[in-house]
Amino acid sequence: MGREVKVALGAAAGIAALVIGFIVLIRFAVPLILEAHFAGSLITASVVGIAGILVLCWAARRLFVWASRALGVSGGDQ
């Protein structure tokens, strides 16, 4: 396989993992915290949701940087 095909497959797998992570976060993790009736459940669910989105954004940026470096694309932030 060529380098471009490997990068495309890796990027597709990474994007699929990001989408699955987002679905798990929004569909299961946050509602599970909200269903647990304790005093700070709303604040905890908000923190988990915001932290989860930030982690997914960081992972997407790392995926983009990896793909651009693997393809040899010159960018300003590399």
PDB file of N, CA and C in Angstrom:
ATOM      1  N   MET A   1       0.835  -1.181   0.000  1.00  0.00           N
ATOM      2  CA  MET A   1       0.000   0.000   0.000  1.00  0.00           C
ATOM      3  C   MET A   1       0.879   1.243   0.000  1.00  0.00           C
ATOM      4  N   GLY A   2       0.378   2.241  -0.650  1.00  0.00           N
ATOM      5  CA  GLY A   2       1.102   3.501  -0.697  1.00  0.00           C
ATOM      6  C   GLY A   2       0.928   4.294   0.592  1.00  0.00           C
ATOM      7  N   ARG A   3       1.768   5.267   0.712  1.00  0.00           N
ATOM      8  CA  ARG A   3       1.735   6.108   1.911  1.00  0.00           C
ATOM      9  C   ARG A   3       0.409   6.842   2.029  1.00  0.00           C
ATOM     10  N   GLU A   4      -0.124   7.334   0.903  1.00  0.00           N
ATOM     11  CA  GLU A   4      -1.380   8.068   0.930  1.00  0.00           C
ATOM     12  C   GLU A   4      -2.541   7.193   1.377  1.00  0.00           C
ATOM     13  N   VAL A   5      -2.532   5.937   0.957  1.00  0.00           N
ATOM     14  CA  VAL A   5      -3.605   5.019   1.337  1.00  0.00           C
ATOM     15  C   VAL A   5      -3.543   4.739   2.834  1.00  0.00           C
ATOM     16  N   LYS A   6      -2.341   4.539   3.360  1.00  0.00           N
ATOM     17  CA  LYS A   6      -2.200   4.298   4.799  1.00  0.00           C
ATOM     18  C   LYS A   6      -2.660   5.500   5.608  1.00  0.00           C
ATOM     19  N   VAL A   7      -2.311   6.693   5.143  1.00  0.00           N
ATOM     20  CA  VAL A   7      -2.731   7.898   5.854  1.00  0.00           C
ATOM     21  C   VAL A   7      -4.241   8.065   5.760  1.00  0.00           C
ATOM     22  N   ALA A   8      -4.810   7.787   4.595  1.00  0.00           N
ATOM     23  CA  ALA A   8      -6.265   7.910   4.439  1.00  0.00           C
ATOM     24  C   ALA A   8      -7.001   6.916   5.330  1.00  0.00           C
ATOM     25  N   LEU A   9      -6.509   5.680   5.403  1.00  0.00           N
ATOM     26  CA  LEU A   9      -7.143   4.690   6.273  1.00  0.00           C
ATOM     27  C   LEU A   9      -6.988   5.072   7.748  1.00  0.00           C
ATOM     28  N   GLY A  10      -5.829   5.564   8.122  1.00  0.00           N
ATOM     29  CA  GLY A  10      -5.615   6.007   9.499  1.00  0.00           C
ATOM     30  C   GLY A  10      -6.493   7.199   9.852  1.00  0.00           C
ATOM     31  N   ALA A  11      -6.623   8.133   8.911  1.00  0.00           N
ATOM     32  CA  ALA A  11      -7.474   9.303   9.151  1.00  0.00           C
ATOM     33  C   ALA A  11      -8.937   8.895   9.243  1.00  0.00           C
ATOM     34  N   ALA A  12      -9.369   7.975   8.387  1.00  0.00           N
ATOM     35  CA  ALA A  12     -10.760   7.510   8.446  1.00  0.00           C
ATOM     36  C   ALA A  12     -11.045   6.793   9.764  1.00  0.00           C
ATOM     37  N   ALA A  13     -10.104   5.970  10.206  1.00  0.00           N
ATOM     38  CA  ALA A  13     -10.281   5.289  11.490  1.00  0.00           C
ATOM     39  C   ALA A  13     -10.280   6.289  12.643  1.00  0.00           C
ATOM     40  N   GLY A  14      -9.428   7.295  12.561  1.00  0.00           N
ATOM     41  CA  GLY A  14      -9.387   8.318  13.595  1.00  0.00           C
ATOM     42  C   GLY A  14     -10.665   9.136  13.654  1.00  0.00           C
ATOM     43  N   ILE A  15     -11.190   9.497  12.497  1.00  0.00           N
ATOM     44  CA  ILE A  15     -12.444  10.258  12.464  1.00  0.00           C
ATOM     45  C   ILE A  15     -13.593   9.409  12.981  1.00  0.00           C
ATOM     46  N   ALA A  16     -13.623   8.126  12.614  1.00  0.00           N
ATOM     47  CA  ALA A  16     -14.665   7.238  13.136  1.00  0.00           C
ATOM     48  C   ALA A  16     -14.568   7.125  14.655  1.00  0.00           C
ATOM     49  N   ALA A  17     -13.360   7.032  15.178  1.00  0.00           N
ATOM     50  CA  ALA A  17     -13.181   6.964  16.632  1.00  0.00           C
ATOM     51  C   ALA A  17     -13.636   8.252  17.307  1.00  0.00           C
ATOM     52  N   LEU A  18     -13.378   9.401  16.689  1.00  0.00           N
ATOM     53  CA  LEU A  18     -13.829  10.674  17.242  1.00  0.00           C
ATOM     54  C   LEU A  18     -15.350  10.757  17.273  1.00  0.00           C
ATOM     55  N   VAL A  19     -15.998  10.313  16.205  1.00  0.00           N
ATOM     56  CA  VAL A  19     -17.464  10.336  16.155  1.00  0.00           C
ATOM     57  C   VAL A  19     -18.056   9.394  17.203  1.00  0.00           C
ATOM     58  N   ILE A  20     -17.476   8.208  17.333  1.00  0.00           N
ATOM     59  CA  ILE A  20     -17.949   7.258  18.346  1.00  0.00           C
ATOM     60  C   ILE A  20     -17.732   7.820  19.746  1.00  0.00           C
ATOM     61  N   GLY A  21     -16.592   8.443  19.979  1.00  0.00           N
ATOM     62  CA  GLY A  21     -16.336   9.062  21.274  1.00  0.00           C
ATOM     63  C   GLY A  21     -17.329  10.158  21.589  1.00  0.00           C
ATOM     64  N   PHE A  22     -17.684  10.968  20.600  1.00  0.00           N
ATOM     65  CA  PHE A  22     -18.675  12.022  20.801  1.00  0.00           C
ATOM     66  C   PHE A  22     -20.042  11.435  21.124  1.00  0.00           C
ATOM     67  N   ILE A  23     -20.430  10.382  20.408  1.00  0.00           N
ATOM     68  CA  ILE A  23     -21.729   9.748  20.659  1.00  0.00           C
ATOM     69  C   ILE A  23     -21.771   9.151  22.053  1.00  0.00           C
ATOM     70  N   VAL A  24     -20.706   8.470  22.454  1.00  0.00           N
ATOM     71  CA  VAL A  24     -20.662   7.882  23.803  1.00  0.00           C
ATOM     72  C   VAL A  24     -20.736   8.973  24.863  1.00  0.00           C
ATOM     73  N   LEU A  25     -20.031  10.066  24.636  1.00  0.00           N
ATOM     74  CA  LEU A  25     -20.038  11.163  25.606  1.00  0.00           C
ATOM     75  C   LEU A  25     -21.436  11.763  25.751  1.00  0.00           C
ATOM     76  N   ILE A  26     -22.068  12.082  24.638  1.00  0.00           N
ATOM     77  CA  ILE A  26     -23.349  12.777  24.669  1.00  0.00           C
ATOM     78  C   ILE A  26     -24.504  11.838  24.971  1.00  0.00           C
ATOM     79  N   ARG A  27     -24.446  10.624  24.465  1.00  0.00           N
ATOM     80  CA  ARG A  27     -25.575   9.700  24.611  1.00  0.00           C
ATOM     81  C   ARG A  27     -25.542   8.936  25.928  1.00  0.00           C
ATOM     82  N   PHE A  28     -24.347   8.625  26.433  1.00  0.00           N
ATOM     83  CA  PHE A  28     -24.272   7.758  27.609  1.00  0.00           C
ATOM     84  C   PHE A  28     -23.644   8.423  28.832  1.00  0.00           C
ATOM     85  N   ALA A  29     -22.482   9.023  28.693  1.00  0.00           N
ATOM     86  CA  ALA A  29     -21.744   9.504  29.863  1.00  0.00           C
ATOM     87  C   ALA A  29     -22.463  10.641  30.588  1.00  0.00           C
ATOM     88  N   VAL A  30     -22.830  11.688  29.859  1.00  0.00           N
ATOM     89  CA  VAL A  30     -23.477  12.834  30.498  1.00  0.00           C
ATOM     90  C   VAL A  30     -24.853  12.467  31.050  1.00  0.00           C
ATOM     91  N   PRO A  31     -25.729  11.772  30.292  1.00  0.00           N
ATOM     92  CA  PRO A  31     -27.027  11.393  30.882  1.00  0.00           C
ATOM     93  C   PRO A  31     -26.904  10.457  32.082  1.00  0.00           C
ATOM     94  N   LEU A  32     -25.886   9.600  32.067  1.00  0.00           N
ATOM     95  CA  LEU A  32     -25.690   8.704  33.205  1.00  0.00           C
ATOM     96  C   LEU A  32     -25.379   9.499  34.468  1.00  0.00           C
ATOM     97  N   ILE A  33     -24.587  10.538  34.334  1.00  0.00           N
ATOM     98  CA  ILE A  33     -24.275  11.384  35.486  1.00  0.00           C
ATOM     99  C   ILE A  33     -25.517  12.153  35.930  1.00  0.00           C
ATOM    100  N   LEU A  34     -26.305  12.627  34.946  1.00  0.00           N
ATOM    101  CA  LEU A  34     -27.503  13.391  35.299  1.00  0.00           C
ATOM    102  C   LEU A  34     -28.563  12.518  35.971  1.00  0.00           C
ATOM    103  N   GLU A  35     -28.599  11.235  35.639  1.00  0.00           N
ATOM    104  CA  GLU A  35     -29.572  10.336  36.270  1.00  0.00           C
ATOM    105  C   GLU A  35     -29.218  10.018  37.713  1.00  0.00           C
ATOM    106  N   ALA A  36     -27.955  10.114  38.061  1.00  0.00           N
ATOM    107  CA  ALA A  36     -27.541   9.892  39.443  1.00  0.00           C
ATOM    108  C   ALA A  36     -27.917  11.142  40.234  1.00  0.00           C
ATOM    109  N   HIS A  37     -28.883  11.015  41.083  1.00  0.00           N
ATOM    110  CA  HIS A  37     -29.418  12.190  41.780  1.00  0.00           C
ATOM    111  C   HIS A  37     -28.566  12.500  43.002  1.00  0.00           C
ATOM    112  N   PHE A  38     -27.556  13.322  42.799  1.00  0.00           N
ATOM    113  CA  PHE A  38     -26.776  13.846  43.908  1.00  0.00           C
ATOM    114  C   PHE A  38     -26.649  15.343  43.712  1.00  0.00           C
ATOM    115  N   ALA A  39     -26.198  16.026  44.715  1.00  0.00           N
ATOM    116  CA  ALA A  39     -26.268  17.484  44.742  1.00  0.00           C
ATOM    117  C   ALA A  39     -25.526  18.147  43.578  1.00  0.00           C
ATOM    118  N   GLY A  40     -24.401  17.618  43.199  1.00  0.00           N
ATOM    119  CA  GLY A  40     -23.603  18.265  42.162  1.00  0.00           C
ATOM    120  C   GLY A  40     -23.685  17.598  40.810  1.00  0.00           C
ATOM    121  N   SER A  41     -24.766  16.883  40.532  1.00  0.00           N
ATOM    122  CA  SER A  41     -24.820  16.125  39.279  1.00  0.00           C
ATOM    123  C   SER A  41     -24.847  17.032  38.056  1.00  0.00           C
ATOM    124  N   LEU A  42     -25.526  18.163  38.126  1.00  0.00           N
ATOM    125  CA  LEU A  42     -25.573  19.062  36.982  1.00  0.00           C
ATOM    126  C   LEU A  42     -24.196  19.671  36.705  1.00  0.00           C
ATOM    127  N   ILE A  43     -23.524  20.089  37.751  1.00  0.00           N
ATOM    128  CA  ILE A  43     -22.187  20.665  37.592  1.00  0.00           C
ATOM    129  C   ILE A  43     -21.215  19.597  37.109  1.00  0.00           C
ATOM    130  N   THR A  44     -21.301  18.408  37.682  1.00  0.00           N
ATOM    131  CA  THR A  44     -20.408  17.323  37.267  1.00  0.00           C
ATOM    132  C   THR A  44     -20.645  16.938  35.813  1.00  0.00           C
ATOM    133  N   ALA A  45     -21.900  16.834  35.405  1.00  0.00           N
ATOM    134  CA  ALA A  45     -22.207  16.504  34.013  1.00  0.00           C
ATOM    135  C   ALA A  45     -21.709  17.590  33.070  1.00  0.00           C
ATOM    136  N   SER A  46     -21.817  18.849  33.483  1.00  0.00           N
ATOM    137  CA  SER A  46     -21.315  19.951  32.652  1.00  0.00           C
ATOM    138  C   SER A  46     -19.799  19.882  32.507  1.00  0.00           C
ATOM    139  N   VAL A  47     -19.123  19.628  33.609  1.00  0.00           N
ATOM    140  CA  VAL A  47     -17.653  19.535  33.572  1.00  0.00           C
ATOM    141  C   VAL A  47     -17.212  18.355  32.710  1.00  0.00           C
ATOM    142  N   VAL A  48     -17.876  17.215  32.875  1.00  0.00           N
ATOM    143  CA  VAL A  48     -17.528  16.034  32.072  1.00  0.00           C
ATOM    144  C   VAL A  48     -17.786  16.299  30.590  1.00  0.00           C
ATOM    145  N   GLY A  49     -18.909  16.939  30.281  1.00  0.00           N
ATOM    146  CA  GLY A  49     -19.219  17.250  28.886  1.00  0.00           C
ATOM    147  C   GLY A  49     -18.217  18.201  28.262  1.00  0.00           C
ATOM    148  N   ILE A  50     -17.887  19.270  28.973  1.00  0.00           N
ATOM    149  CA  ILE A  50     -16.924  20.249  28.449  1.00  0.00           C
ATOM    150  C   ILE A  50     -15.540  19.634  28.329  1.00  0.00           C
ATOM    151  N   ALA A  51     -15.114  18.889  29.345  1.00  0.00           N
ATOM    152  CA  ALA A  51     -13.805  18.239  29.288  1.00  0.00           C
ATOM    153  C   ALA A  51     -13.751  17.206  28.156  1.00  0.00           C
ATOM    154  N   GLY A  52     -14.842  16.477  27.975  1.00  0.00           N
ATOM    155  CA  GLY A  52     -14.883  15.494  26.893  1.00  0.00           C
ATOM    156  C   GLY A  52     -14.786  16.133  25.521  1.00  0.00           C
ATOM    157  N   ILE A  53     -15.477  17.241  25.332  1.00  0.00           N
ATOM    158  CA  ILE A  53     -15.402  17.954  24.051  1.00  0.00           C
ATOM    159  C   ILE A  53     -13.990  18.501  23.826  1.00  0.00           C
ATOM    160  N   LEU A  54     -13.376  19.028  24.877  1.00  0.00           N
ATOM    161  CA  LEU A  54     -12.005  19.530  24.741  1.00  0.00           C
ATOM    162  C   LEU A  54     -11.024  18.410  24.390  1.00  0.00           C
ATOM    163  N   VAL A  55     -11.194  17.244  24.996  1.00  0.00           N
ATOM    164  CA  VAL A  55     -10.333  16.101  24.675  1.00  0.00           C
ATOM    165  C   VAL A  55     -10.547  15.661  23.231  1.00  0.00           C
ATOM    166  N   LEU A  56     -11.796  15.646  22.774  1.00  0.00           N
ATOM    167  CA  LEU A  56     -12.062  15.276  21.384  1.00  0.00           C
ATOM    168  C   LEU A  56     -11.468  16.297  20.413  1.00  0.00           C
ATOM    169  N   CYS A  57     -11.524  17.573  20.752  1.00  0.00           N
ATOM    170  CA  CYS A  57     -10.902  18.602  19.905  1.00  0.00           C
ATOM    171  C   CYS A  57      -9.385  18.431  19.864  1.00  0.00           C
ATOM    172  N   TRP A  58      -8.793  18.137  21.015  1.00  0.00           N
ATOM    173  CA  TRP A  58      -7.345  17.902  21.058  1.00  0.00           C
ATOM    174  C   TRP A  58      -6.972  16.693  20.203  1.00  0.00           C
ATOM    175  N   ALA A  59      -7.766  15.620  20.310  1.00  0.00           N
ATOM    176  CA  ALA A  59      -7.483  14.417  19.521  1.00  0.00           C
ATOM    177  C   ALA A  59      -7.654  14.685  18.026  1.00  0.00           C
ATOM    178  N   ALA A  60      -8.633  15.487  17.660  1.00  0.00           N
ATOM    179  CA  ALA A  60      -8.824  15.826  16.245  1.00  0.00           C
ATOM    180  C   ALA A  60      -7.643  16.645  15.725  1.00  0.00           C
ATOM    181  N   ARG A  61      -7.149  17.548  16.553  1.00  0.00           N
ATOM    182  CA  ARG A  61      -5.979  18.340  16.137  1.00  0.00           C
ATOM    183  C   ARG A  61      -4.752  17.452  15.986  1.00  0.00           C
ATOM    184  N   ARG A  62      -4.551  16.525  16.910  1.00  0.00           N
ATOM    185  CA  ARG A  62      -3.416  15.600  16.800  1.00  0.00           C
ATOM    186  C   ARG A  62      -3.540  14.742  15.536  1.00  0.00           C
ATOM    187  N   LEU A  63      -4.752  14.320  15.218  1.00  0.00           N
ATOM    188  CA  LEU A  63      -4.987  13.535  14.003  1.00  0.00           C
ATOM    189  C   LEU A  63      -4.652  14.358  12.765  1.00  0.00           C
ATOM    190  N   PHE A  64      -5.069  15.616  12.750  1.00  0.00           N
ATOM    191  CA  PHE A  64      -4.770  16.495  11.624  1.00  0.00           C
ATOM    192  C   PHE A  64      -3.266  16.713  11.476  1.00  0.00           C
ATOM    193  N   VAL A  65      -2.586  16.961  12.579  1.00  0.00           N
ATOM    194  CA  VAL A  65      -1.137  17.180  12.531  1.00  0.00           C
ATOM    195  C   VAL A  65      -0.426  15.919  12.051  1.00  0.00           C
ATOM    196  N   TRP A  66      -0.852  14.757  12.551  1.00  0.00           N
ATOM    197  CA  TRP A  66      -0.238  13.499  12.106  1.00  0.00           C
ATOM    198  C   TRP A  66      -0.425  13.298  10.618  1.00  0.00           C
ATOM    199  N   ALA A  67      -1.656  13.511  10.123  1.00  0.00           N
ATOM    200  CA  ALA A  67      -1.920  13.297   8.701  1.00  0.00           C
ATOM    201  C   ALA A  67      -1.146  14.271   7.835  1.00  0.00           C
ATOM    202  N   SER A  68      -1.074  15.524   8.247  1.00  0.00           N
ATOM    203  CA  SER A  68      -0.349  16.497   7.427  1.00  0.00           C
ATOM    204  C   SER A  68       1.156  16.216   7.428  1.00  0.00           C
ATOM    205  N   ARG A  69       1.689  15.788   8.568  1.00  0.00           N
ATOM    206  CA  ARG A  69       3.121  15.437   8.598  1.00  0.00           C
ATOM    207  C   ARG A  69       3.395  14.170   7.797  1.00  0.00           C
ATOM    208  N   ALA A  70       2.486  13.204   7.870  1.00  0.00           N
ATOM    209  CA  ALA A  70       2.690  11.958   7.131  1.00  0.00           C
ATOM    210  C   ALA A  70       2.630  12.181   5.627  1.00  0.00           C
ATOM    211  N   LEU A  71       1.819  13.145   5.206  1.00  0.00           N
ATOM    212  CA  LEU A  71       1.730  13.439   3.783  1.00  0.00           C
ATOM    213  C   LEU A  71       2.764  14.459   3.333  1.00  0.00           C
ATOM    214  N   GLY A  72       3.475  15.056   4.264  1.00  0.00           N
ATOM    215  CA  GLY A  72       4.505  16.010   3.925  1.00  0.00           C
ATOM    216  C   GLY A  72       3.965  17.378   3.530  1.00  0.00           C
ATOM    217  N   VAL A  73       2.776  17.706   4.022  1.00  0.00           N
ATOM    218  CA  VAL A  73       2.193  19.005   3.718  1.00  0.00           C
ATOM    219  C   VAL A  73       2.829  20.024   4.645  1.00  0.00           C
ATOM    220  N   SER A  74       3.335  21.101   4.061  1.00  0.00           N
ATOM    221  CA  SER A  74       3.964  22.125   4.902  1.00  0.00           C
ATOM    222  C   SER A  74       2.894  23.088   5.377  1.00  0.00           C
ATOM    223  N   GLY A  75       2.914  23.326   6.667  1.00  0.00           N
ATOM    224  CA  GLY A  75       1.954  24.243   7.263  1.00  0.00           C
ATOM    225  C   GLY A  75       2.663  25.206   8.184  1.00  0.00           C
ATOM    226  N   GLY A  76       1.959  26.225   8.600  1.00  0.00           N
ATOM    227  CA  GLY A  76       2.570  27.229   9.444  1.00  0.00           C
ATOM    228  C   GLY A  76       2.759  26.788  10.878  1.00  0.00           C
ATOM    229  N   ASP A  77       1.978  25.826  11.356  1.00  0.00           N
ATOM    230  CA  ASP A  77       2.040  25.454  12.775  1.00  0.00           C
ATOM    231  C   ASP A  77       2.829  24.180  13.022  1.00  0.00           C
ATOM    232  N   GLN A  78       3.619  23.747  12.091  1.00  0.00           N
ATOM    233  CA  GLN A  78       4.332  22.495  12.291  1.00  0.00           C
ATOM    234  C   GLN A  78       5.767  22.746  12.619  1.00  0.00           C
TER     235      GLN A  78
END
